[in-house]
Amino acid sequence: MSTSDRVVDILTQEGGYKPLPKPFKVGSQSFDFTHALVAGERANDLVIVIELRGDTADEAVIRKVFALTRALDVQRSKRPVTAVLTSGQPRSETVQSISRVCRVLPVGAPAGPDAVEAVRDWLSVLLPLTQPPAVDTMLDWEGDLRAVTPDTEKGPLIDALVAAATRGKAAVEAVLANDITASVKAVLDDEGDGQ
């Protein structure tokens, strides 16, 4: 799979982007890039993917991008444009020229086992933020507490305290206070019986 295809897969599957037909039109002008995508509901972005090959002239790429952004300006479009450059390495002058009119992501052609992750990292500015898993699902505090509690300490009091913990601090304090009161009362009753 080419880097350009990876870019399209990531943007469509993870970002909700929709591919545009080739060529696509802005006003009466047609534009033909390797791929073009528009963002879904939450965003407004237009992403053009340009695969740089050995026969691709940097000046031609610059002209095509300038023509697209000018056509969008004429149409009074509010779409931010991002140019994703894949495969070859663009000259720094090319990146600087294009960056005057749009955001530029020079992805290149990552290879190896981490290639997909490298492309995803480059595209992260175009993807929605992901929520980390809820803390409740990451922690098993009850299991962790029971695992570190020595066997000699396990018993009805620990079970009552752990059960009360889900109801909050006041519930734990009430269970502990009741246990202390019951223990002190038992000791006092034993002393009273012994006299």
C-alpha atoms as a PDB file:
ATOM      1  CA  MET A   1       0.000   0.000   0.000  1.00  0.00           C
ATOM      2  CA  SER A   2       1.382   3.407  -0.941  1.00  0.00           C
ATOM      3  CA  THR A   3       1.762   6.220   1.577  1.00  0.00           C
ATOM      4  CA  SER A   4      -0.938   8.203  -0.259  1.00  0.00           C
ATOM      5  CA  ASP A   5      -3.374   5.299   0.163  1.00  0.00           C
ATOM      6  CA  ARG A   6      -2.453   5.050   3.863  1.00  0.00           C
ATOM      7  CA  VAL A   7      -3.216   8.755   4.269  1.00  0.00           C
ATOM      8  CA  VAL A   8      -6.643   8.283   2.686  1.00  0.00           C
ATOM      9  CA  ASP A   9      -7.377   5.191   4.811  1.00  0.00           C
ATOM     10  CA  ILE A  10      -6.474   6.943   8.062  1.00  0.00           C
ATOM     11  CA  LEU A  11      -8.401  10.110   7.232  1.00  0.00           C
ATOM     12  CA  THR A  12     -11.537   8.279   6.093  1.00  0.00           C
ATOM     13  CA  GLN A  13     -11.593   5.623   8.818  1.00  0.00           C
ATOM     14  CA  GLU A  14     -10.420   7.646  11.802  1.00  0.00           C
ATOM     15  CA  GLY A  15     -11.293  11.191  10.811  1.00  0.00           C
ATOM     16  CA  GLY A  16     -14.573  10.778   8.953  1.00  0.00           C
ATOM     17  CA  TYR A  17     -13.248  12.453   5.799  1.00  0.00           C
ATOM     18  CA  LYS A  18     -14.971  11.854   2.490  1.00  0.00           C
ATOM     19  CA  PRO A  19     -13.027  11.453  -0.773  1.00  0.00           C
ATOM     20  CA  LEU A  20     -13.827  13.866  -3.580  1.00  0.00           C
ATOM     21  CA  PRO A  21     -14.163  12.723  -7.207  1.00  0.00           C
ATOM     22  CA  LYS A  22     -11.157  13.006  -9.506  1.00  0.00           C
ATOM     23  CA  PRO A  23     -10.971  15.654 -10.810  1.00  0.00           C
ATOM     24  CA  PHE A  24     -13.053  17.831  -8.482  1.00  0.00           C
ATOM     25  CA  LYS A  25     -14.388  21.270  -9.297  1.00  0.00           C
ATOM     26  CA  VAL A  26     -14.178  24.596  -7.524  1.00  0.00           C
ATOM     27  CA  GLY A  27     -16.455  26.946  -9.372  1.00  0.00           C
ATOM     28  CA  SER A  28     -15.853  26.248 -13.037  1.00  0.00           C
ATOM     29  CA  GLN A  29     -12.245  25.068 -12.608  1.00  0.00           C
ATOM     30  CA  SER A  30     -11.225  21.418 -12.338  1.00  0.00           C
ATOM     31  CA  PHE A  31      -8.412  20.280 -10.080  1.00  0.00           C
ATOM     32  CA  ASP A  32      -6.711  16.908 -10.192  1.00  0.00           C
ATOM     33  CA  PHE A  33      -4.555  15.842  -7.247  1.00  0.00           C
ATOM     34  CA  THR A  34      -3.535  12.336  -6.194  1.00  0.00           C
ATOM     35  CA  HIS A  35      -6.415  12.435  -3.701  1.00  0.00           C
ATOM     36  CA  ALA A  36      -8.700  15.121  -2.314  1.00  0.00           C
ATOM     37  CA  LEU A  37     -10.890  14.792   0.764  1.00  0.00           C
ATOM     38  CA  VAL A  38     -13.271  16.959   2.737  1.00  0.00           C
ATOM     39  CA  ALA A  39     -13.884  16.732   6.449  1.00  0.00           C
ATOM     40  CA  GLY A  40     -17.104  15.381   7.883  1.00  0.00           C
ATOM     41  CA  GLU A  41     -19.554  17.049  10.236  1.00  0.00           C
ATOM     42  CA  ARG A  42     -17.288  18.674  12.816  1.00  0.00           C
ATOM     43  CA  ALA A  43     -14.663  20.197  10.587  1.00  0.00           C
ATOM     44  CA  ASN A  44     -14.496  22.141   7.403  1.00  0.00           C
ATOM     45  CA  ASP A  45     -11.083  21.111   6.068  1.00  0.00           C
ATOM     46  CA  LEU A  46     -10.141  20.332   2.488  1.00  0.00           C
ATOM     47  CA  VAL A  47      -7.178  17.968   2.295  1.00  0.00           C
ATOM     48  CA  ILE A  48      -5.242  17.485  -0.916  1.00  0.00           C
ATOM     49  CA  VAL A  49      -2.803  14.604  -1.123  1.00  0.00           C
ATOM     50  CA  ILE A  50       0.058  15.119  -3.546  1.00  0.00           C
ATOM     51  CA  GLU A  51       2.266  12.162  -4.337  1.00  0.00           C
ATOM     52  CA  LEU A  52       5.699  13.446  -5.294  1.00  0.00           C
ATOM     53  CA  ARG A  53       7.488  11.278  -7.813  1.00  0.00           C
ATOM     54  CA  GLY A  54      10.785  11.739  -9.555  1.00  0.00           C
ATOM     55  CA  ASP A  55       9.032  13.235 -12.557  1.00  0.00           C
ATOM     56  CA  THR A  56       6.970  15.699 -10.485  1.00  0.00           C
ATOM     57  CA  ALA A  57       8.232  19.248 -10.904  1.00  0.00           C
ATOM     58  CA  ASP A  58       8.041  21.286  -7.722  1.00  0.00           C
ATOM     59  CA  GLU A  59       6.985  24.377  -9.674  1.00  0.00           C
ATOM     60  CA  ALA A  60       4.002  22.516 -11.110  1.00  0.00           C
ATOM     61  CA  VAL A  61       2.927  21.430  -7.618  1.00  0.00           C
ATOM     62  CA  ILE A  62       3.209  24.999  -6.344  1.00  0.00           C
ATOM     63  CA  ARG A  63       1.161  26.330  -9.273  1.00  0.00           C
ATOM     64  CA  LYS A  64      -1.592  23.736  -8.758  1.00  0.00           C
ATOM     65  CA  VAL A  65      -1.869  24.504  -5.035  1.00  0.00           C
ATOM     66  CA  PHE A  66      -1.841  28.271  -5.649  1.00  0.00           C
ATOM     67  CA  ALA A  67      -4.535  27.895  -8.320  1.00  0.00           C
ATOM     68  CA  LEU A  68      -6.722  25.840  -5.963  1.00  0.00           C
ATOM     69  CA  THR A  69      -6.420  28.267  -3.057  1.00  0.00           C
ATOM     70  CA  ARG A  70      -7.074  31.217  -5.379  1.00  0.00           C
ATOM     71  CA  ALA A  71     -10.192  29.517  -6.772  1.00  0.00           C
ATOM     72  CA  LEU A  72     -11.404  28.908  -3.197  1.00  0.00           C
ATOM     73  CA  ASP A  73     -10.787  32.580  -2.369  1.00  0.00           C
ATOM     74  CA  VAL A  74     -12.775  33.688  -5.431  1.00  0.00           C
ATOM     75  CA  GLN A  75     -15.645  31.454  -4.272  1.00  0.00           C
ATOM     76  CA  ARG A  76     -15.267  32.967  -0.756  1.00  0.00           C
ATOM     77  CA  SER A  77     -14.755  29.539   0.691  1.00  0.00           C
ATOM     78  CA  LYS A  78     -13.921  29.337   4.386  1.00  0.00           C
ATOM     79  CA  ARG A  79     -12.395  25.876   4.044  1.00  0.00           C
ATOM     80  CA  PRO A  80      -8.868  25.615   5.418  1.00  0.00           C
ATOM     81  CA  VAL A  81      -6.658  23.700   2.992  1.00  0.00           C
ATOM     82  CA  THR A  82      -4.029  21.157   3.979  1.00  0.00           C
ATOM     83  CA  ALA A  83      -1.553  19.773   1.465  1.00  0.00           C
ATOM     84  CA  VAL A  84      -0.185  16.349   2.404  1.00  0.00           C
ATOM     85  CA  LEU A  85       2.995  15.634   0.438  1.00  0.00           C
ATOM     86  CA  THR A  86       3.808  11.932   0.178  1.00  0.00           C
ATOM     87  CA  SER A  87       6.433   9.641  -1.318  1.00  0.00           C
ATOM     88  CA  GLY A  88       9.252  11.972  -2.409  1.00  0.00           C
ATOM     89  CA  GLN A  89      10.997  14.648  -0.388  1.00  0.00           C
ATOM     90  CA  PRO A  90      10.016  18.159  -1.440  1.00  0.00           C
ATOM     91  CA  ARG A  91      12.563  20.929  -1.514  1.00  0.00           C
ATOM     92  CA  SER A  92      12.363  23.314   1.437  1.00  0.00           C
ATOM     93  CA  GLU A  93      11.539  26.161  -0.976  1.00  0.00           C
ATOM     94  CA  THR A  94       8.519  24.204  -2.197  1.00  0.00           C
ATOM     95  CA  VAL A  95       7.232  23.649   1.338  1.00  0.00           C
ATOM     96  CA  GLN A  96       7.779  27.329   2.170  1.00  0.00           C
ATOM     97  CA  SER A  97       5.964  28.497  -0.965  1.00  0.00           C
ATOM     98  CA  ILE A  98       2.961  26.238  -0.406  1.00  0.00           C
ATOM     99  CA  SER A  99       2.833  27.083   3.309  1.00  0.00           C
ATOM    100  CA  ARG A 100       2.028  30.702   2.394  1.00  0.00           C
ATOM    101  CA  VAL A 101      -1.430  29.626   1.252  1.00  0.00           C
ATOM    102  CA  CYS A 102      -2.190  26.449   3.220  1.00  0.00           C
ATOM    103  CA  ARG A 103      -0.977  24.056   5.879  1.00  0.00           C
ATOM    104  CA  VAL A 104       1.675  21.631   4.599  1.00  0.00           C
ATOM    105  CA  LEU A 105       2.353  18.151   5.971  1.00  0.00           C
ATOM    106  CA  PRO A 106       5.414  16.628   4.254  1.00  0.00           C
ATOM    107  CA  VAL A 107       4.853  12.991   5.224  1.00  0.00           C
ATOM    108  CA  GLY A 108       7.404  11.440   2.868  1.00  0.00           C
ATOM    109  CA  ALA A 109       7.391   7.662   2.580  1.00  0.00           C
ATOM    110  CA  PRO A 110       7.786   6.061   6.013  1.00  0.00           C
ATOM    111  CA  ALA A 111       8.730   2.385   5.880  1.00  0.00           C
ATOM    112  CA  GLY A 112       9.060  -0.421   8.352  1.00  0.00           C
ATOM    113  CA  PRO A 113       6.833  -1.757  11.095  1.00  0.00           C
ATOM    114  CA  ASP A 114       6.007   1.721  12.447  1.00  0.00           C
ATOM    115  CA  ALA A 115       5.127   3.259   9.051  1.00  0.00           C
ATOM    116  CA  VAL A 116       1.388   3.485   9.700  1.00  0.00           C
ATOM    117  CA  GLU A 117       1.973   5.033  13.120  1.00  0.00           C
ATOM    118  CA  ALA A 118       4.386   7.589  11.616  1.00  0.00           C
ATOM    119  CA  VAL A 119       1.784   8.618   9.027  1.00  0.00           C
ATOM    120  CA  ARG A 120      -0.891   8.801  11.735  1.00  0.00           C
ATOM    121  CA  ASP A 121       1.374  11.079  13.792  1.00  0.00           C
ATOM    122  CA  TRP A 122       1.784  13.458  10.837  1.00  0.00           C
ATOM    123  CA  LEU A 123      -1.974  13.487  10.292  1.00  0.00           C
ATOM    124  CA  SER A 124      -2.884  13.912  13.961  1.00  0.00           C
ATOM    125  CA  VAL A 125      -3.657  17.622  13.438  1.00  0.00           C
ATOM    126  CA  LEU A 126      -6.456  16.564  11.078  1.00  0.00           C
ATOM    127  CA  LEU A 127      -7.897  13.819  13.274  1.00  0.00           C
ATOM    128  CA  PRO A 128     -10.336  14.196  16.155  1.00  0.00           C
ATOM    129  CA  LEU A 129      -8.959  13.986  19.652  1.00  0.00           C
ATOM    130  CA  THR A 130      -9.442  10.622  21.286  1.00  0.00           C
ATOM    131  CA  GLN A 131     -10.665  10.367  24.838  1.00  0.00           C
ATOM    132  CA  PRO A 132      -8.477   8.353  27.180  1.00  0.00           C
ATOM    133  CA  PRO A 133     -10.276   5.451  28.810  1.00  0.00           C
ATOM    134  CA  ALA A 134     -12.189   6.321  31.946  1.00  0.00           C
ATOM    135  CA  VAL A 135     -10.205   5.917  35.145  1.00  0.00           C
ATOM    136  CA  ASP A 136     -12.828   3.495  36.452  1.00  0.00           C
ATOM    137  CA  THR A 137     -12.044   1.046  33.675  1.00  0.00           C
ATOM    138  CA  MET A 138      -8.298   1.308  34.223  1.00  0.00           C
ATOM    139  CA  LEU A 139      -8.350   0.800  37.985  1.00  0.00           C
ATOM    140  CA  ASP A 140      -9.424  -2.223  39.933  1.00  0.00           C
ATOM    141  CA  TRP A 141      -8.849  -0.640  43.309  1.00  0.00           C
ATOM    142  CA  GLU A 142     -10.803  -3.306  45.174  1.00  0.00           C
ATOM    143  CA  GLY A 143      -8.800  -6.144  43.627  1.00  0.00           C
ATOM    144  CA  ASP A 144      -5.530  -4.268  44.220  1.00  0.00           C
ATOM    145  CA  LEU A 145      -6.450  -3.593  47.872  1.00  0.00           C
ATOM    146  CA  ARG A 146      -7.428  -7.188  48.527  1.00  0.00           C
ATOM    147  CA  ALA A 147      -4.214  -8.418  46.884  1.00  0.00           C
ATOM    148  CA  VAL A 148      -1.976  -6.345  49.185  1.00  0.00           C
ATOM    149  CA  THR A 149      -3.992  -6.930  52.360  1.00  0.00           C
ATOM    150  CA  PRO A 150      -2.271  -9.607  54.467  1.00  0.00           C
ATOM    151  CA  ASP A 151      -4.353 -12.718  55.152  1.00  0.00           C
ATOM    152  CA  THR A 152      -4.154 -12.031  58.876  1.00  0.00           C
ATOM    153  CA  GLU A 153      -5.978  -8.721  58.359  1.00  0.00           C
ATOM    154  CA  LYS A 154      -8.746 -10.046  56.139  1.00  0.00           C
ATOM    155  CA  GLY A 155     -12.119 -10.494  57.749  1.00  0.00           C
ATOM    156  CA  PRO A 156     -15.559  -9.006  58.260  1.00  0.00           C
ATOM    157  CA  LEU A 157     -14.248  -5.488  59.053  1.00  0.00           C
ATOM    158  CA  ILE A 158     -12.211  -5.241  55.817  1.00  0.00           C
ATOM    159  CA  ASP A 159     -15.159  -6.602  53.828  1.00  0.00           C
ATOM    160  CA  ALA A 160     -17.496  -4.013  55.420  1.00  0.00           C
ATOM    161  CA  LEU A 161     -15.020  -1.159  54.785  1.00  0.00           C
ATOM    162  CA  VAL A 162     -14.510  -2.134  51.142  1.00  0.00           C
ATOM    163  CA  ALA A 163     -18.263  -2.420  50.595  1.00  0.00           C
ATOM    164  CA  ALA A 164     -18.788   1.010  52.211  1.00  0.00           C
ATOM    165  CA  ALA A 165     -16.031   2.620  50.104  1.00  0.00           C
ATOM    166  CA  THR A 166     -18.260   2.780  47.035  1.00  0.00           C
ATOM    167  CA  ARG A 167     -20.692   4.958  49.032  1.00  0.00           C
ATOM    168  CA  GLY A 168     -18.018   7.490  50.004  1.00  0.00           C
ATOM    169  CA  LYS A 169     -15.913   8.719  52.901  1.00  0.00           C
ATOM    170  CA  ALA A 170     -18.792   9.187  55.348  1.00  0.00           C
ATOM    171  CA  ALA A 171     -19.937   5.578  54.881  1.00  0.00           C
ATOM    172  CA  VAL A 172     -16.415   4.241  55.562  1.00  0.00           C
ATOM    173  CA  GLU A 173     -16.102   6.432  58.657  1.00  0.00           C
ATOM    174  CA  ALA A 174     -19.483   5.215  59.925  1.00  0.00           C
ATOM    175  CA  VAL A 175     -18.498   1.539  59.516  1.00  0.00           C
ATOM    176  CA  LEU A 176     -15.172   2.176  61.281  1.00  0.00           C
ATOM    177  CA  ALA A 177     -16.834   4.162  64.106  1.00  0.00           C
ATOM    178  CA  ASN A 178     -19.429   1.413  64.623  1.00  0.00           C
ATOM    179  CA  ASP A 179     -16.687  -1.245  64.786  1.00  0.00           C
ATOM    180  CA  ILE A 180     -14.617   0.773  67.265  1.00  0.00           C
ATOM    181  CA  THR A 181     -17.715   1.455  69.405  1.00  0.00           C
ATOM    182  CA  ALA A 182     -18.652  -2.249  69.370  1.00  0.00           C
ATOM    183  CA  SER A 183     -15.076  -3.303  70.265  1.00  0.00           C
ATOM    184  CA  VAL A 184     -14.811  -0.792  73.140  1.00  0.00           C
ATOM    185  CA  LYS A 185     -18.276  -1.744  74.421  1.00  0.00           C
ATOM    186  CA  ALA A 186     -17.310  -5.436  74.385  1.00  0.00           C
ATOM    187  CA  VAL A 187     -14.130  -4.709  76.366  1.00  0.00           C
ATOM    188  CA  LEU A 188     -15.993  -2.544  78.880  1.00  0.00           C
ATOM    189  CA  ASP A 189     -18.700  -5.185  79.290  1.00  0.00           C
ATOM    190  CA  ASP A 190     -16.028  -7.876  79.923  1.00  0.00           C
ATOM    191  CA  GLU A 191     -14.377  -5.675  82.578  1.00  0.00           C
ATOM    192  CA  GLY A 192     -17.741  -4.983  84.184  1.00  0.00           C
ATOM    193  CA  ASP A 193     -18.526  -8.715  84.359  1.00  0.00           C
ATOM    194  CA  GLY A 194     -15.168  -9.487  85.950  1.00  0.00           C
ATOM    195  CA  GLN A 195     -15.759  -7.284  89.028  1.00  0.00           C
END
